[in-house]
Amino acid sequence: IDALGERVEVLKRGDRGVLKVAAPPHTIESVLSPFLPRYAERFPNVHVKLSEALGREQTAILERGEVHIGIRHDQGDRRFESRVLPPDEVLAACAPSLELGRAGAIDIGRLASHPLLLLDSGYSIRRLFDAACRLTDVEPNILLESRAPHTLLALAEAGQGVAIIPSLLRTDRYKLRIVRVTHRRKPVRERYAIQWDKRRPMPPYAESFCEALAEYMREVLPITHPTEIKMAAARKQPPVRKSRRQ
């Protein structure tokens, strides 16, 4: 009886249960994999179950109640509540030997003639890039389309083309030149968001998860910066003085 009473109190507090989360594969790798251990320290009784799903795929599973929350580009759908996050930018990645753009940026009109390595059309960042191409009235030179972001990075590192990637994607394992894609001198980007179906009740632990994740993502986004920005930040670091041996 005492054990049952303790379990009822835990359930009342809302810190025990299964939380189902949908996110694109690169978001799971870059954001959720380092975040979840931190979250588990605060909420050890909440089991987070992940589902890999791209932006449009999340709409259906959120409506059916198969997951509690989705992490994706903000679709502007009024059926969903959103916790808005920093924007996800379109970046171009290529071999360091390729002189691509200036001051860490390249206009989409100049980029379109390069052999491009693009993500599958299911990715929101791909649809954003395609929309910018239409606005600029350019036809991209597509070398490869892939559902696997790291396939594009490996080919770009090998000098086989220019990969168009989101700033949420980790690139630190590759030797690449990264530049921001712009349209009329403005970055091509879109808001990222944590979303849930407001017609369905949210368990208390889901709300605390959203708050903690939003705070974490504001700290770490963007995951990847243009190369020039990274180099400038490195130059600002004070030199390390070597101590003289006695």
Protein backbone atom coordinates (compact mmCIF):
# COMPACT_ATOMS: atom_id res chain seq x y z
CA ILE A 1 0.00 0.00 0.00
CA ASP A 2 2.85 2.38 0.86
CA ALA A 3 4.57 1.66 -2.48
CA LEU A 4 1.34 2.30 -4.38
CA GLY A 5 0.86 5.58 -2.55
CA GLU A 6 4.39 6.67 -3.48
CA ARG A 7 3.70 5.83 -7.14
CA VAL A 8 0.50 7.90 -7.11
CA GLU A 9 2.44 10.87 -5.71
CA VAL A 10 5.09 10.52 -8.44
CA LEU A 11 2.41 10.48 -11.13
CA LYS A 12 0.79 13.56 -9.62
CA ARG A 13 4.09 15.41 -9.78
CA GLY A 14 4.32 14.58 -13.47
CA ASP A 15 7.96 13.54 -13.46
CA ARG A 16 7.49 9.95 -14.62
CA GLY A 17 6.40 8.60 -17.99
CA VAL A 18 7.30 8.04 -21.65
CA LEU A 19 7.91 11.07 -23.85
CA LYS A 20 7.76 10.51 -27.61
CA VAL A 21 9.79 12.96 -29.69
CA ALA A 22 10.12 13.21 -33.50
CA ALA A 23 13.06 14.98 -35.16
CA PRO A 24 15.14 14.86 -38.37
CA PRO A 25 18.24 12.63 -38.19
CA HIS A 26 20.75 15.50 -38.13
CA THR A 27 18.87 17.17 -35.25
CA ILE A 28 18.96 13.92 -33.28
CA GLU A 29 22.71 13.71 -33.83
CA SER A 30 23.66 17.36 -33.33
CA VAL A 31 21.21 18.44 -30.63
CA LEU A 32 19.42 15.58 -28.89
CA SER A 33 22.37 13.22 -28.44
CA PRO A 34 24.27 15.71 -26.19
CA PHE A 35 21.08 17.08 -24.60
CA LEU A 36 19.41 13.85 -23.45
CA PRO A 37 22.06 12.84 -20.87
CA ARG A 38 21.78 16.31 -19.32
CA TYR A 39 17.98 16.01 -19.26
CA ALA A 40 18.14 12.51 -17.73
CA GLU A 41 20.08 13.87 -14.75
CA ARG A 42 17.20 16.21 -13.92
CA PHE A 43 14.34 13.85 -14.86
CA PRO A 44 15.57 10.26 -14.41
CA ASN A 45 12.04 8.83 -14.43
CA VAL A 46 11.12 10.19 -17.88
CA HIS A 47 11.96 7.83 -20.73
CA VAL A 48 12.45 9.70 -24.02
CA LYS A 49 11.57 7.65 -27.09
CA LEU A 50 12.88 9.10 -30.36
CA SER A 51 11.37 8.81 -33.85
CA GLU A 52 13.27 9.88 -36.95
CA ALA A 53 10.99 12.01 -39.13
CA LEU A 54 11.46 14.93 -41.50
CA GLY A 55 9.39 18.12 -41.40
CA ARG A 56 6.34 17.15 -43.43
CA GLU A 57 6.35 13.62 -42.05
CA GLN A 58 5.97 15.03 -38.55
CA THR A 59 2.64 16.70 -39.32
CA ALA A 60 0.81 13.40 -39.73
CA ILE A 61 2.30 11.64 -36.70
CA LEU A 62 1.66 14.68 -34.48
CA GLU A 63 -1.98 14.74 -35.59
CA ARG A 64 -2.37 11.00 -34.94
CA GLY A 65 -0.86 11.35 -31.49
CA GLU A 66 2.01 8.97 -32.24
CA VAL A 67 4.45 11.47 -30.74
CA HIS A 68 4.05 14.23 -28.18
CA ILE A 69 6.32 16.81 -29.80
CA GLY A 70 8.17 17.41 -33.07
CA ILE A 71 11.33 19.41 -33.70
CA ARG A 72 11.43 20.99 -37.16
CA HIS A 73 11.24 24.19 -39.19
CA ASP A 74 8.24 26.29 -38.23
CA GLN A 75 5.47 25.36 -40.68
CA GLY A 76 3.14 28.19 -39.64
CA ASP A 77 0.36 25.64 -39.03
CA ARG A 78 -2.21 27.04 -36.59
CA ARG A 79 -3.13 23.55 -35.39
CA PHE A 80 0.20 23.37 -33.57
CA GLU A 81 1.60 25.27 -30.65
CA SER A 82 5.23 26.28 -31.09
CA ARG A 83 8.21 27.19 -28.98
CA VAL A 84 10.28 29.24 -31.41
CA LEU A 85 14.04 28.66 -31.59
CA PRO A 86 16.92 30.41 -33.37
CA PRO A 87 16.75 30.14 -37.20
CA ASP A 88 18.33 27.38 -39.22
CA GLU A 89 20.48 28.79 -42.04
CA VAL A 90 21.32 27.36 -45.46
CA LEU A 91 25.07 26.78 -45.74
CA ALA A 92 27.34 25.66 -48.57
CA ALA A 93 30.19 23.25 -47.76
CA CYS A 94 33.09 22.45 -50.09
CA ALA A 95 36.72 21.36 -50.09
CA PRO A 96 39.06 23.95 -48.46
CA SER A 97 40.91 24.37 -51.76
CA LEU A 98 37.81 25.73 -53.51
CA GLU A 99 37.51 29.52 -53.31
CA LEU A 100 33.80 29.83 -52.68
CA GLY A 101 32.26 33.19 -51.84
CA ARG A 102 33.68 36.13 -49.93
CA ALA A 103 33.57 37.11 -46.27
CA GLY A 104 31.89 33.85 -45.40
CA ALA A 105 28.95 34.18 -47.82
CA ILE A 106 27.94 33.46 -51.41
CA ASP A 107 24.90 34.68 -53.34
CA ILE A 108 22.64 31.89 -54.52
CA GLY A 109 22.91 33.14 -58.10
CA ARG A 110 26.68 32.56 -58.10
CA LEU A 111 26.30 29.23 -56.36
CA ALA A 112 23.87 27.61 -58.78
CA SER A 113 26.48 26.95 -61.49
CA HIS A 114 28.59 24.74 -59.19
CA PRO A 115 27.91 20.97 -59.09
CA LEU A 116 25.60 20.75 -56.10
CA LEU A 117 25.11 17.98 -53.57
CA LEU A 118 21.57 18.38 -52.24
CA LEU A 119 19.48 16.78 -49.56
CA ASP A 120 16.33 14.91 -50.50
CA SER A 121 13.22 17.06 -51.06
CA GLY A 122 11.76 15.75 -47.79
CA TYR A 123 14.14 18.04 -45.91
CA SER A 124 12.74 21.51 -45.20
CA ILE A 125 16.14 23.06 -45.85
CA ARG A 126 16.05 21.65 -49.40
CA ARG A 127 12.64 23.15 -50.08
CA LEU A 128 13.90 26.47 -48.70
CA PHE A 129 16.89 26.33 -51.06
CA ASP A 130 14.66 25.47 -54.03
CA ALA A 131 12.36 28.39 -53.22
CA ALA A 132 15.33 30.77 -53.13
CA CYS A 133 16.49 29.44 -56.53
CA ARG A 134 13.05 30.15 -58.00
CA LEU A 135 13.09 33.69 -56.62
CA THR A 136 16.50 34.24 -58.19
CA ASP A 137 15.35 32.59 -61.44
CA VAL A 138 18.28 30.17 -61.53
CA GLU A 139 18.40 26.45 -62.31
CA PRO A 140 20.69 24.61 -59.88
CA ASN A 141 23.27 22.20 -61.30
CA ILE A 142 22.34 19.11 -59.25
CA LEU A 143 25.03 16.44 -59.08
CA LEU A 144 23.45 14.26 -56.38
CA GLU A 145 20.41 14.14 -54.10
CA SER A 146 20.68 12.14 -50.89
CA ARG A 147 18.68 11.47 -47.74
CA ALA A 148 21.95 11.08 -45.77
CA PRO A 149 23.56 14.46 -44.91
CA HIS A 150 26.98 12.97 -44.16
CA THR A 151 27.15 11.43 -47.63
CA LEU A 152 27.06 14.96 -49.01
CA LEU A 153 29.76 16.14 -46.59
CA ALA A 154 32.08 13.27 -47.49
CA LEU A 155 31.72 14.00 -51.21
CA ALA A 156 32.21 17.73 -50.67
CA GLU A 157 35.39 17.08 -48.67
CA ALA A 158 36.66 14.93 -51.55
CA GLY A 159 36.14 17.83 -53.96
CA GLN A 160 33.19 16.26 -55.77
CA GLY A 161 30.84 19.23 -55.45
CA VAL A 162 29.31 21.76 -53.08
CA ALA A 163 27.01 20.40 -50.37
CA ILE A 164 23.97 22.46 -49.39
CA ILE A 165 23.37 21.80 -45.71
CA PRO A 166 21.53 23.22 -42.67
CA SER A 167 23.46 25.04 -39.96
CA LEU A 168 22.06 22.45 -37.53
CA LEU A 169 24.27 19.77 -39.09
CA ARG A 170 27.58 18.87 -37.45
CA THR A 171 30.55 19.26 -39.81
CA ASP A 172 33.46 19.14 -37.34
CA ARG A 173 34.56 15.66 -38.49
CA TYR A 174 35.29 16.93 -41.99
CA LYS A 175 37.82 19.33 -43.48
CA LEU A 176 35.53 21.77 -45.25
CA ARG A 177 35.13 25.38 -46.22
CA ILE A 178 31.74 26.62 -44.98
CA VAL A 179 29.98 29.70 -46.34
CA ARG A 180 26.53 31.19 -45.78
CA VAL A 181 24.08 31.14 -48.72
CA THR A 182 22.45 34.52 -49.31
CA HIS A 183 19.73 36.00 -51.50
CA ARG A 184 19.98 39.74 -52.17
CA ARG A 185 22.64 39.92 -49.44
CA LYS A 186 20.32 38.39 -46.84
CA PRO A 187 20.91 34.92 -45.32
CA VAL A 188 18.56 32.19 -46.54
CA ARG A 189 17.12 30.83 -43.32
CA GLU A 190 13.95 29.72 -41.55
CA ARG A 191 12.82 29.56 -37.94
CA TYR A 192 13.21 26.30 -36.08
CA ALA A 193 10.60 25.27 -33.53
CA ILE A 194 9.45 22.68 -31.04
CA GLN A 195 5.81 21.92 -31.90
CA TRP A 196 2.90 19.93 -30.53
CA ASP A 197 -0.76 19.45 -31.38
CA LYS A 198 -2.65 21.89 -29.14
CA ARG A 199 -5.82 19.81 -29.45
CA ARG A 200 -4.17 17.00 -27.47
CA PRO A 201 -3.34 17.23 -23.76
CA MET A 202 0.36 17.39 -22.97
CA PRO A 203 1.72 15.53 -19.93
CA PRO A 204 3.51 17.81 -17.43
CA TYR A 205 6.89 16.20 -18.11
CA ALA A 206 6.52 17.04 -21.83
CA GLU A 207 6.16 20.72 -20.99
CA SER A 208 9.28 20.66 -18.82
CA PHE A 209 11.15 18.86 -21.63
CA CYS A 210 10.22 21.59 -24.11
CA GLU A 211 11.41 24.31 -21.76
CA ALA A 212 14.74 22.59 -21.07
CA LEU A 213 15.34 21.75 -24.74
CA ALA A 214 14.51 25.28 -25.93
CA GLU A 215 16.95 26.73 -23.39
CA TYR A 216 19.66 24.30 -24.51
CA MET A 217 19.12 24.96 -28.23
CA ARG A 218 19.34 28.70 -27.73
CA GLU A 219 22.73 28.10 -26.15
CA VAL A 220 24.20 25.88 -28.88
CA LEU A 221 22.61 27.01 -32.16
CA PRO A 222 23.85 27.30 -34.79
CA ILE A 223 25.90 24.11 -34.70
CA THR A 224 27.99 25.05 -37.76
CA HIS A 225 29.32 28.54 -38.53
CA PRO A 226 30.87 29.93 -41.73
CA THR A 227 34.61 29.27 -41.88
CA GLU A 228 35.61 32.94 -41.74
CA ILE A 229 33.65 33.42 -38.51
CA LYS A 230 35.39 30.44 -36.93
CA MET A 231 38.80 31.72 -38.03
CA ALA A 232 38.07 35.20 -36.69
CA ALA A 233 37.02 33.75 -33.35
CA ALA A 234 40.23 31.73 -33.21
CA ARG A 235 42.32 34.84 -33.93
CA LYS A 236 40.69 36.64 -30.99
CA GLN A 237 41.90 33.97 -28.56
CA PRO A 238 44.94 35.16 -26.58
CA PRO A 239 48.16 33.29 -27.39
CA VAL A 240 49.24 30.61 -24.96
CA ARG A 241 52.59 31.46 -23.40
CA LYS A 242 55.04 28.65 -22.96
CA SER A 243 56.64 28.54 -19.56
CA ARG A 244 60.42 28.51 -19.47
CA ARG A 245 62.07 25.46 -18.05
CA GLN A 246 64.04 26.09 -14.89
